[in-house]
PDB file of all heavy atoms in Angstrom:
ATOM      1  N   GLY A   1     166.697   6.083-161.059  1.00  0.00           N
ATOM      2  CA  GLY A   1     167.020   4.728-160.506  1.00  0.00           C
ATOM      3  C   GLY A   1     166.176   3.629-161.030  1.00  0.00           C
ATOM      4  O   GLY A   1     166.114   2.544-160.342  1.00  0.00           O
ATOM      5  N   ASN A   2     165.639   3.770-162.210  1.00  0.00           N
ATOM      6  CA  ASN A   2     164.776   2.712-162.742  1.00  0.00           C
ATOM      7  C   ASN A   2     165.406   1.942-163.885  1.00  0.00           C
ATOM      8  O   ASN A   2     164.987   0.793-164.141  1.00  0.00           O
ATOM      9  CB  ASN A   2     163.416   3.342-163.292  1.00  0.00           C
ATOM     10  CG  ASN A   2     162.640   3.945-162.148  1.00  0.00           C
ATOM     11  OD1 ASN A   2     162.490   3.354-161.100  1.00  0.00           O
ATOM     12  ND2 ASN A   2     162.066   5.081-162.414  1.00  0.00           N
ATOM     13  N   GLU A   3     166.293   2.532-164.600  1.00  0.00           N
ATOM     14  CA  GLU A   3     166.942   1.864-165.766  1.00  0.00           C
ATOM     15  C   GLU A   3     168.412   2.308-165.958  1.00  0.00           C
ATOM     16  O   GLU A   3     168.694   3.492-165.888  1.00  0.00           O
ATOM     17  CB  GLU A   3     166.112   2.206-167.022  1.00  0.00           C
ATOM     18  CG  GLU A   3     166.518   1.372-168.210  1.00  0.00           C
ATOM     19  CD  GLU A   3     165.632   1.712-169.419  1.00  0.00           C
ATOM     20  OE1 GLU A   3     165.795   2.827-169.960  1.00  0.00           O
ATOM     21  OE2 GLU A   3     164.819   0.887-169.802  1.00  0.00           O
ATOM     22  N   LEU A   4     169.211   1.372-166.088  1.00  0.00           N
ATOM     23  CA  LEU A   4     170.685   1.609-166.266  1.00  0.00           C
ATOM     24  C   LEU A   4     171.019   1.560-167.727  1.00  0.00           C
ATOM     25  O   LEU A   4     170.638   0.537-168.413  1.00  0.00           O
ATOM     26  CB  LEU A   4     171.473   0.593-165.470  1.00  0.00           C
ATOM     27  CG  LEU A   4     173.039   0.701-165.579  1.00  0.00           C
ATOM     28  CD1 LEU A   4     173.485   1.978-164.894  1.00  0.00           C
ATOM     29  CD2 LEU A   4     173.667  -0.532-164.949  1.00  0.00           C
ATOM     30  N   GLU A   5     171.734   2.540-168.174  1.00  0.00           N
ATOM     31  CA  GLU A   5     172.104   2.586-169.628  1.00  0.00           C
ATOM     32  C   GLU A   5     173.457   2.043-169.864  1.00  0.00           C
ATOM     33  O   GLU A   5     174.385   2.120-169.007  1.00  0.00           O
ATOM     34  CB  GLU A   5     172.028   4.022-170.174  1.00  0.00           C
ATOM     35  CG  GLU A   5     170.656   4.668-170.171  1.00  0.00           C
ATOM     36  CD  GLU A   5     170.620   6.051-170.885  1.00  0.00           C
ATOM     37  OE1 GLU A   5     171.769   6.553-171.096  1.00  0.00           O
ATOM     38  OE2 GLU A   5     169.550   6.539-171.067  1.00  0.00           O
ATOM     39  N   ALA A   6     173.590   1.311-171.017  1.00  0.00           N
ATOM     40  CA  ALA A   6     174.908   0.789-171.415  1.00  0.00           C
ATOM     41  C   ALA A   6     174.921   0.715-172.935  1.00  0.00           C
ATOM     42  O   ALA A   6     173.872   0.767-173.619  1.00  0.00           O
ATOM     43  CB  ALA A   6     175.059  -0.612-170.860  1.00  0.00           C
ATOM     44  N   VAL A   7     176.142   0.656-173.477  1.00  0.00           N
ATOM     45  CA  VAL A   7     176.313   0.606-174.946  1.00  0.00           C
ATOM     46  C   VAL A   7     176.852  -0.769-175.350  1.00  0.00           C
ATOM     47  O   VAL A   7     177.786  -1.232-174.748  1.00  0.00           O
ATOM     48  CB  VAL A   7     177.331   1.669-175.396  1.00  0.00           C
ATOM     49  CG1 VAL A   7     177.521   1.679-176.901  1.00  0.00           C
ATOM     50  CG2 VAL A   7     176.855   3.062-174.881  1.00  0.00           C
ATOM     51  N   THR A   8     176.207  -1.383-176.366  1.00  0.00           N
ATOM     52  CA  THR A   8     176.578  -2.679-176.794  1.00  0.00           C
ATOM     53  C   THR A   8     177.785  -2.623-177.760  1.00  0.00           C
ATOM     54  O   THR A   8     178.222  -1.520-178.146  1.00  0.00           O
ATOM     55  CB  THR A   8     175.405  -3.386-177.482  1.00  0.00           C
ATOM     56  OG1 THR A   8     174.982  -2.582-178.657  1.00  0.00           O
ATOM     57  CG2 THR A   8     174.250  -3.486-176.568  1.00  0.00           C
ATOM     58  N   LYS A   9     178.163  -3.765-178.254  1.00  0.00           N
ATOM     59  CA  LYS A   9     179.350  -3.863-179.149  1.00  0.00           C
ATOM     60  C   LYS A   9     179.050  -3.178-180.450  1.00  0.00           C
ATOM     61  O   LYS A   9     180.044  -2.613-181.068  1.00  0.00           O
ATOM     62  CB  LYS A   9     179.681  -5.343-179.305  1.00  0.00           C
ATOM     63  CG  LYS A   9     180.939  -5.574-180.141  1.00  0.00           C
ATOM     64  CD  LYS A   9     181.287  -7.013-180.192  1.00  0.00           C
ATOM     65  CE  LYS A   9     182.627  -7.202-180.910  1.00  0.00           C
ATOM     66  NZ  LYS A   9     182.936  -8.711-181.060  1.00  0.00           N
ATOM     67  N   ASP A  10     177.822  -3.177-180.932  1.00  0.00           N
ATOM     68  CA  ASP A  10     177.529  -2.578-182.204  1.00  0.00           C
ATOM     69  C   ASP A  10     176.963  -1.163-182.020  1.00  0.00           C
ATOM     70  O   ASP A  10     176.116  -0.682-182.851  1.00  0.00           O
ATOM     71  CB  ASP A  10     176.489  -3.378-183.019  1.00  0.00           C
ATOM     72  CG  ASP A  10     175.367  -3.817-182.197  1.00  0.00           C
ATOM     73  OD1 ASP A  10     175.250  -3.370-181.031  1.00  0.00           O
ATOM     74  OD2 ASP A  10     174.564  -4.634-182.633  1.00  0.00           O
ATOM     75  N   GLN A  11     177.404  -0.477-180.927  1.00  0.00           N
ATOM     76  CA  GLN A  11     177.079   0.915-180.651  1.00  0.00           C
ATOM     77  C   GLN A  11     175.541   1.202-180.527  1.00  0.00           C
ATOM     78  O   GLN A  11     175.000   2.225-181.048  1.00  0.00           O
ATOM     79  CB  GLN A  11     177.623   1.807-181.797  1.00  0.00           C
ATOM     80  CG  GLN A  11     179.119   1.608-182.003  1.00  0.00           C
ATOM     81  CD  GLN A  11     179.908   1.951-180.738  1.00  0.00           C
ATOM     82  OE1 GLN A  11     179.719   2.893-180.061  1.00  0.00           O
ATOM     83  NE2 GLN A  11     180.928   1.083-180.453  1.00  0.00           N
ATOM     84  N   LEU A  12     174.861   0.285-179.838  1.00  0.00           N
ATOM     85  CA  LEU A  12     173.433   0.414-179.612  1.00  0.00           C
ATOM     86  C   LEU A  12     173.197   0.683-178.187  1.00  0.00           C
ATOM     87  O   LEU A  12     173.596  -0.110-177.291  1.00  0.00           O
ATOM     88  CB  LEU A  12     172.656  -0.790-180.103  1.00  0.00           C
ATOM     89  CG  LEU A  12     171.152  -0.780-179.858  1.00  0.00           C
ATOM     90  CD1 LEU A  12     170.493   0.263-180.769  1.00  0.00           C
ATOM     91  CD2 LEU A  12     170.578  -2.154-180.190  1.00  0.00           C
ATOM     92  N   ASN A  13     172.467   1.796-177.827  1.00  0.00           N
ATOM     93  CA  ASN A  13     172.222   2.094-176.404  1.00  0.00           C
ATOM     94  C   ASN A  13     171.102   1.172-175.972  1.00  0.00           C
ATOM     95  O   ASN A  13     170.088   0.961-176.603  1.00  0.00           O
ATOM     96  CB  ASN A  13     171.761   3.580-176.286  1.00  0.00           C
ATOM     97  CG  ASN A  13     172.892   4.542-176.529  1.00  0.00           C
ATOM     98  OD1 ASN A  13     174.040   4.231-176.254  1.00  0.00           O
ATOM     99  ND2 ASN A  13     172.568   5.662-177.053  1.00  0.00           N
ATOM    100  N   THR A  14     171.301   0.609-174.769  1.00  0.00           N
ATOM    101  CA  THR A  14     170.324  -0.287-174.206  1.00  0.00           C
ATOM    102  C   THR A  14     169.966   0.147-172.778  1.00  0.00           C
ATOM    103  O   THR A  14     170.742   0.807-172.120  1.00  0.00           O
ATOM    104  CB  THR A  14     170.863  -1.758-174.160  1.00  0.00           C
ATOM    105  OG1 THR A  14     172.032  -1.803-173.358  1.00  0.00           O
ATOM    106  CG2 THR A  14     171.157  -2.236-175.546  1.00  0.00           C
ATOM    107  N   GLY A  15     168.782  -0.223-172.314  1.00  0.00           N
ATOM    108  CA  GLY A  15     168.343   0.018-170.926  1.00  0.00           C
ATOM    109  C   GLY A  15     168.310  -1.304-170.210  1.00  0.00           C
ATOM    110  O   GLY A  15     167.668  -2.240-170.656  1.00  0.00           O
ATOM    111  N   LEU A  16     169.006  -1.381-169.072  1.00  0.00           N
ATOM    112  CA  LEU A  16     169.051  -2.613-168.256  1.00  0.00           C
ATOM    113  C   LEU A  16     168.283  -2.461-167.005  1.00  0.00           C
ATOM    114  O   LEU A  16     168.312  -1.418-166.336  1.00  0.00           O
ATOM    115  CB  LEU A  16     170.545  -2.903-167.920  1.00  0.00           C
ATOM    116  CG  LEU A  16     171.537  -2.953-169.114  1.00  0.00           C
ATOM    117  CD1 LEU A  16     172.968  -3.112-168.539  1.00  0.00           C
ATOM    118  CD2 LEU A  16     171.218  -4.099-170.014  1.00  0.00           C
ATOM    119  N   THR A  17     167.535  -3.438-166.614  1.00  0.00           N
ATOM    120  CA  THR A  17     166.759  -3.483-165.447  1.00  0.00           C
ATOM    121  C   THR A  17     167.115  -4.826-164.676  1.00  0.00           C
ATOM    122  O   THR A  17     167.335  -5.812-165.291  1.00  0.00           O
ATOM    123  CB  THR A  17     165.311  -3.370-165.666  1.00  0.00           C
ATOM    124  OG1 THR A  17     164.891  -4.464-166.587  1.00  0.00           O
ATOM    125  CG2 THR A  17     164.869  -2.021-166.318  1.00  0.00           C
ATOM    126  N   GLY A  18     167.014  -4.704-163.346  1.00  0.00           N
ATOM    127  CA  GLY A  18     167.294  -5.881-162.518  1.00  0.00           C
ATOM    128  C   GLY A  18     167.583  -5.482-161.059  1.00  0.00           C
ATOM    129  O   GLY A  18     167.480  -4.296-160.668  1.00  0.00           O
ATOM    130  N   GLN A  19     167.973  -6.460-160.353  1.00  0.00           N
ATOM    131  CA  GLN A  19     168.299  -6.264-158.889  1.00  0.00           C
ATOM    132  C   GLN A  19     169.600  -6.931-158.508  1.00  0.00           C
ATOM    133  O   GLN A  19     170.031  -7.821-159.254  1.00  0.00           O
ATOM    134  CB  GLN A  19     167.149  -6.835-158.024  1.00  0.00           C
ATOM    135  CG  GLN A  19     165.798  -6.238-158.221  1.00  0.00           C
ATOM    136  CD  GLN A  19     165.058  -6.857-159.363  1.00  0.00           C
ATOM    137  OE1 GLN A  19     165.179  -8.048-159.631  1.00  0.00           O
ATOM    138  NE2 GLN A  19     164.243  -6.046-160.061  1.00  0.00           N
ATOM    139  N   ILE A  20     170.196  -6.423-157.433  1.00  0.00           N
ATOM    140  CA  ILE A  20     171.341  -7.066-156.865  1.00  0.00           C
ATOM    141  C   ILE A  20     171.102  -7.244-155.383  1.00  0.00           C
ATOM    142  O   ILE A  20     170.482  -6.390-154.757  1.00  0.00           O
ATOM    143  CB  ILE A  20     172.674  -6.278-157.125  1.00  0.00           C
ATOM    144  CG1 ILE A  20     172.539  -4.877-156.550  1.00  0.00           C
ATOM    145  CG2 ILE A  20     172.986  -6.198-158.627  1.00  0.00           C
ATOM    146  CD1 ILE A  20     173.922  -4.144-156.580  1.00  0.00           C
ATOM    147  N   ARG A  21     171.649  -8.301-154.862  1.00  0.00           N
ATOM    148  CA  ARG A  21     171.594  -8.560-153.391  1.00  0.00           C
ATOM    149  C   ARG A  21     172.989  -8.484-152.839  1.00  0.00           C
ATOM    150  O   ARG A  21     173.942  -9.058-153.380  1.00  0.00           O
ATOM    151  CB  ARG A  21     171.004  -9.965-153.155  1.00  0.00           C
ATOM    152  CG  ARG A  21     169.535 -10.099-153.584  1.00  0.00           C
ATOM    153  CD  ARG A  21     168.881 -11.274-152.897  1.00  0.00           C
ATOM    154  NE  ARG A  21     169.624 -12.535-153.132  1.00  0.00           N
ATOM    155  CZ  ARG A  21     169.352 -13.355-154.060  1.00  0.00           C
ATOM    156  NH1 ARG A  21     168.362 -13.116-154.939  1.00  0.00           N
ATOM    157  NH2 ARG A  21     170.035 -14.511-154.171  1.00  0.00           N
ATOM    158  N   PHE A  22     173.130  -7.831-151.677  1.00  0.00           N
ATOM    159  CA  PHE A  22     174.407  -7.609-151.055  1.00  0.00           C
ATOM    160  C   PHE A  22     174.274  -7.597-149.591  1.00  0.00           C
ATOM    161  O   PHE A  22     173.167  -7.466-149.030  1.00  0.00           O
ATOM    162  CB  PHE A  22     175.016  -6.280-151.531  1.00  0.00           C
ATOM    163  CG  PHE A  22     174.253  -5.056-151.109  1.00  0.00           C
ATOM    164  CD1 PHE A  22     174.600  -4.409-149.932  1.00  0.00           C
ATOM    165  CD2 PHE A  22     173.203  -4.592-151.810  1.00  0.00           C
ATOM    166  CE1 PHE A  22     173.906  -3.311-149.517  1.00  0.00           C
ATOM    167  CE2 PHE A  22     172.496  -3.497-151.391  1.00  0.00           C
ATOM    168  CZ  PHE A  22     172.847  -2.853-150.235  1.00  0.00           C
ATOM    169  N   ARG A  23     175.421  -7.753-148.900  1.00  0.00           N
ATOM    170  CA  ARG A  23     175.435  -7.690-147.420  1.00  0.00           C
ATOM    171  C   ARG A  23     176.909  -7.395-147.048  1.00  0.00           C
ATOM    172  O   ARG A  23     177.841  -7.581-147.837  1.00  0.00           O
ATOM    173  CB  ARG A  23     175.016  -9.021-146.845  1.00  0.00           C
ATOM    174  CG  ARG A  23     175.821 -10.200-147.266  1.00  0.00           C
ATOM    175  CD  ARG A  23     175.269 -11.467-146.633  1.00  0.00           C
ATOM    176  NE  ARG A  23     175.930 -12.677-147.209  1.00  0.00           N
ATOM    177  CZ  ARG A  23     177.092 -13.145-146.792  1.00  0.00           C
ATOM    178  NH1 ARG A  23     177.698 -12.551-145.739  1.00  0.00           N
ATOM    179  NH2 ARG A  23     177.642 -14.217-147.374  1.00  0.00           N
ATOM    180  N   ALA A  24     177.045  -6.966-145.800  1.00  0.00           N
ATOM    181  CA  ALA A  24     178.397  -6.692-145.252  1.00  0.00           C
ATOM    182  C   ALA A  24     179.071  -8.021-145.002  1.00  0.00           C
ATOM    183  O   ALA A  24     178.452  -8.966-144.564  1.00  0.00           O
ATOM    184  CB  ALA A  24     178.280  -5.890-143.960  1.00  0.00           C
ATOM    185  N   SER A  25     180.341  -8.065-145.191  1.00  0.00           N
ATOM    186  CA  SER A  25     181.167  -9.261-145.034  1.00  0.00           C
ATOM    187  C   SER A  25     181.644  -9.384-143.583  1.00  0.00           C
ATOM    188  O   SER A  25     182.364  -8.498-143.137  1.00  0.00           O
ATOM    189  CB  SER A  25     182.321  -9.322-145.977  1.00  0.00           C
ATOM    190  OG  SER A  25     183.200 -10.413-145.726  1.00  0.00           O
ATOM    191  N   GLU A  26     181.247 -10.398-142.890  1.00  0.00           N
ATOM    192  CA  GLU A  26     181.706 -10.647-141.549  1.00  0.00           C
ATOM    193  C   GLU A  26     183.200 -10.956-141.516  1.00  0.00           C
ATOM    194  O   GLU A  26     183.825 -10.756-140.503  1.00  0.00           O
ATOM    195  CB  GLU A  26     180.902 -11.821-140.928  1.00  0.00           C
ATOM    196  CG  GLU A  26     181.276 -12.103-139.455  1.00  0.00           C
ATOM    197  CD  GLU A  26     180.404 -13.192-138.872  1.00  0.00           C
ATOM    198  OE1 GLU A  26     179.489 -13.684-139.624  1.00  0.00           O
ATOM    199  OE2 GLU A  26     180.708 -13.668-137.779  1.00  0.00           O
ATOM    200  N   ARG A  27     183.771 -11.481-142.597  1.00  0.00           N
ATOM    201  CA  ARG A  27     185.170 -11.860-142.630  1.00  0.00           C
ATOM    202  C   ARG A  27     186.083 -10.727-142.991  1.00  0.00           C
ATOM    203  O   ARG A  27     187.303 -10.878-142.913  1.00  0.00           O
ATOM    204  CB  ARG A  27     185.357 -13.025-143.655  1.00  0.00           C
ATOM    205  CG  ARG A  27     184.479 -14.192-143.272  1.00  0.00           C
ATOM    206  CD  ARG A  27     184.302 -15.178-144.417  1.00  0.00           C
ATOM    207  NE  ARG A  27     185.531 -15.787-144.806  1.00  0.00           N
ATOM    208  CZ  ARG A  27     185.580 -16.750-145.744  1.00  0.00           C
ATOM    209  NH1 ARG A  27     184.500 -17.103-146.433  1.00  0.00           N
ATOM    210  NH2 ARG A  27     186.751 -17.332-146.023  1.00  0.00           N
ATOM    211  N   ASN A  28     185.516  -9.599-143.412  1.00  0.00           N
ATOM    212  CA  ASN A  28     186.391  -8.459-143.740  1.00  0.00           C
ATOM    213  C   ASN A  28     185.701  -7.178-143.298  1.00  0.00           C
ATOM    214  O   ASN A  28     185.524  -6.192-144.088  1.00  0.00           O
ATOM    215  CB  ASN A  28     186.634  -8.409-145.285  1.00  0.00           C
ATOM    216  CG  ASN A  28     187.735  -7.472-145.680  1.00  0.00           C
ATOM    217  OD1 ASN A  28     188.509  -7.003-144.864  1.00  0.00           O
ATOM    218  ND2 ASN A  28     187.786  -7.148-146.955  1.00  0.00           N
ATOM    219  N   LEU A  29     185.403  -7.084-142.051  1.00  0.00           N
ATOM    220  CA  LEU A  29     184.765  -5.875-141.460  1.00  0.00           C
ATOM    221  C   LEU A  29     185.694  -4.699-141.380  1.00  0.00           C
ATOM    222  O   LEU A  29     185.224  -3.534-141.401  1.00  0.00           O
ATOM    223  CB  LEU A  29     184.262  -6.182-140.066  1.00  0.00           C
ATOM    224  CG  LEU A  29     182.978  -7.038-140.015  1.00  0.00           C
ATOM    225  CD1 LEU A  29     182.520  -7.266-138.600  1.00  0.00           C
ATOM    226  CD2 LEU A  29     181.843  -6.333-140.763  1.00  0.00           C
TER     227      LEU A  29
END
């Protein structure tokens, strides 16, 4: 859970790090 892998357009493996913020939607429970 520390690094997310993805492949770029020129076939290079990369490691992505970051955060996301989320919450439950009161309008679509």
